[in-house]
Amino acid sequence: MPRIRPTFMDSPYFVDEPGNWHLKEGASKQLIQEFHSYMESLEHIQNRPASIDGIHIDYPYER
């Protein structure tokens, strides 16, 4: 699935500190909702074992 750059990343309220993405105070409800939706979708991808984006790989690697 191709990833499209979310619009919240272009917002002045978005802070992209490494490992600490967050929104500044004063962000609109729509922006907050888009941000939380995107971050939640990343959790589902990272928890998919052995996927390219996943961080969990079962051991032993060769079954």
C-alpha atoms as a PDB file:
ATOM      1  CA  MET A   1       0.000   0.000   0.000  1.00  0.00           C
ATOM      2  CA  PRO A   2       1.562   3.318  -1.026  1.00  0.00           C
ATOM      3  CA  ARG A   3       1.907   5.869   1.691  1.00  0.00           C
ATOM      4  CA  ILE A   4       0.707   9.396   1.078  1.00  0.00           C
ATOM      5  CA  ARG A   5       2.187  12.243   3.087  1.00  0.00           C
ATOM      6  CA  PRO A   6      -0.559  13.353   5.495  1.00  0.00           C
ATOM      7  CA  THR A   7      -1.640  16.986   5.347  1.00  0.00           C
ATOM      8  CA  PHE A   8      -1.038  17.508   9.078  1.00  0.00           C
ATOM      9  CA  MET A   9       2.709  17.339   8.401  1.00  0.00           C
ATOM     10  CA  ASP A  10       2.509  20.672   6.567  1.00  0.00           C
ATOM     11  CA  SER A  11       0.757  22.359   9.482  1.00  0.00           C
ATOM     12  CA  PRO A  12       2.599  24.861  11.687  1.00  0.00           C
ATOM     13  CA  TYR A  13       1.142  22.962  14.665  1.00  0.00           C
ATOM     14  CA  PHE A  14       2.987  19.760  13.797  1.00  0.00           C
ATOM     15  CA  VAL A  15       6.284  19.075  15.609  1.00  0.00           C
ATOM     16  CA  ASP A  16       8.349  16.261  14.106  1.00  0.00           C
ATOM     17  CA  GLU A  17      10.961  15.647  16.761  1.00  0.00           C
ATOM     18  CA  PRO A  18      12.614  12.237  16.273  1.00  0.00           C
ATOM     19  CA  GLY A  19      10.608   9.699  18.252  1.00  0.00           C
ATOM     20  CA  ASN A  20       8.289  12.387  19.613  1.00  0.00           C
ATOM     21  CA  TRP A  21       5.812  13.540  16.986  1.00  0.00           C
ATOM     22  CA  HIS A  22       3.142  15.743  18.481  1.00  0.00           C
ATOM     23  CA  LEU A  23       0.914  18.745  17.837  1.00  0.00           C
ATOM     24  CA  LYS A  24       1.257  22.130  19.474  1.00  0.00           C
ATOM     25  CA  GLU A  25      -1.618  23.593  21.447  1.00  0.00           C
ATOM     26  CA  GLY A  26      -4.229  25.368  19.361  1.00  0.00           C
ATOM     27  CA  ALA A  27      -4.466  22.762  16.594  1.00  0.00           C
ATOM     28  CA  SER A  28      -7.940  22.321  15.107  1.00  0.00           C
ATOM     29  CA  LYS A  29     -10.063  19.286  15.994  1.00  0.00           C
ATOM     30  CA  GLN A  30      -9.821  18.077  12.392  1.00  0.00           C
ATOM     31  CA  LEU A  31      -6.021  18.250  12.502  1.00  0.00           C
ATOM     32  CA  ILE A  32      -5.921  16.434  15.841  1.00  0.00           C
ATOM     33  CA  GLN A  33      -8.226  13.719  14.520  1.00  0.00           C
ATOM     34  CA  GLU A  34      -6.112  13.239  11.367  1.00  0.00           C
ATOM     35  CA  PHE A  35      -2.919  13.076  13.456  1.00  0.00           C
ATOM     36  CA  HIS A  36      -4.303  10.491  15.898  1.00  0.00           C
ATOM     37  CA  SER A  37      -5.745   8.419  13.064  1.00  0.00           C
ATOM     38  CA  TYR A  38      -2.373   8.352  11.288  1.00  0.00           C
ATOM     39  CA  MET A  39      -0.427   7.486  14.437  1.00  0.00           C
ATOM     40  CA  GLU A  40      -2.880   4.698  15.255  1.00  0.00           C
ATOM     41  CA  SER A  41      -2.504   3.257  11.750  1.00  0.00           C
ATOM     42  CA  LEU A  42       1.272   3.097  12.261  1.00  0.00           C
ATOM     43  CA  GLU A  43       0.804   0.949  15.347  1.00  0.00           C
ATOM     44  CA  HIS A  44      -1.115  -1.613  13.288  1.00  0.00           C
ATOM     45  CA  ILE A  45       1.657  -1.738  10.667  1.00  0.00           C
ATOM     46  CA  GLN A  46       4.453  -2.010  13.225  1.00  0.00           C
ATOM     47  CA  ASN A  47       2.741  -4.877  14.984  1.00  0.00           C
ATOM     48  CA  ARG A  48       2.439  -6.983  11.820  1.00  0.00           C
ATOM     49  CA  PRO A  49       5.118  -9.676  12.248  1.00  0.00           C
ATOM     50  CA  ALA A  50       7.776  -9.962   9.551  1.00  0.00           C
ATOM     51  CA  SER A  51       6.401  -7.131   7.429  1.00  0.00           C
ATOM     52  CA  ILE A  52       8.705  -4.590   5.851  1.00  0.00           C
ATOM     53  CA  ASP A  53       7.484  -1.948   8.292  1.00  0.00           C
ATOM     54  CA  GLY A  54       7.032  -4.353  11.196  1.00  0.00           C
ATOM     55  CA  ILE A  55       9.332  -4.312  14.173  1.00  0.00           C
ATOM     56  CA  HIS A  56       8.496  -7.818  15.429  1.00  0.00           C
ATOM     57  CA  ILE A  57      10.154 -10.816  13.775  1.00  0.00           C
ATOM     58  CA  ASP A  58       9.544 -14.303  15.087  1.00  0.00           C
ATOM     59  CA  TYR A  59      12.539 -16.412  16.069  1.00  0.00           C
ATOM     60  CA  PRO A  60      13.855 -18.668  14.603  1.00  0.00           C
ATOM     61  CA  TYR A  61      14.028 -16.728  11.378  1.00  0.00           C
ATOM     62  CA  GLU A  62      14.162 -19.796   9.124  1.00  0.00           C
ATOM     63  CA  ARG A  63      11.287 -22.192   9.679  1.00  0.00           C
END
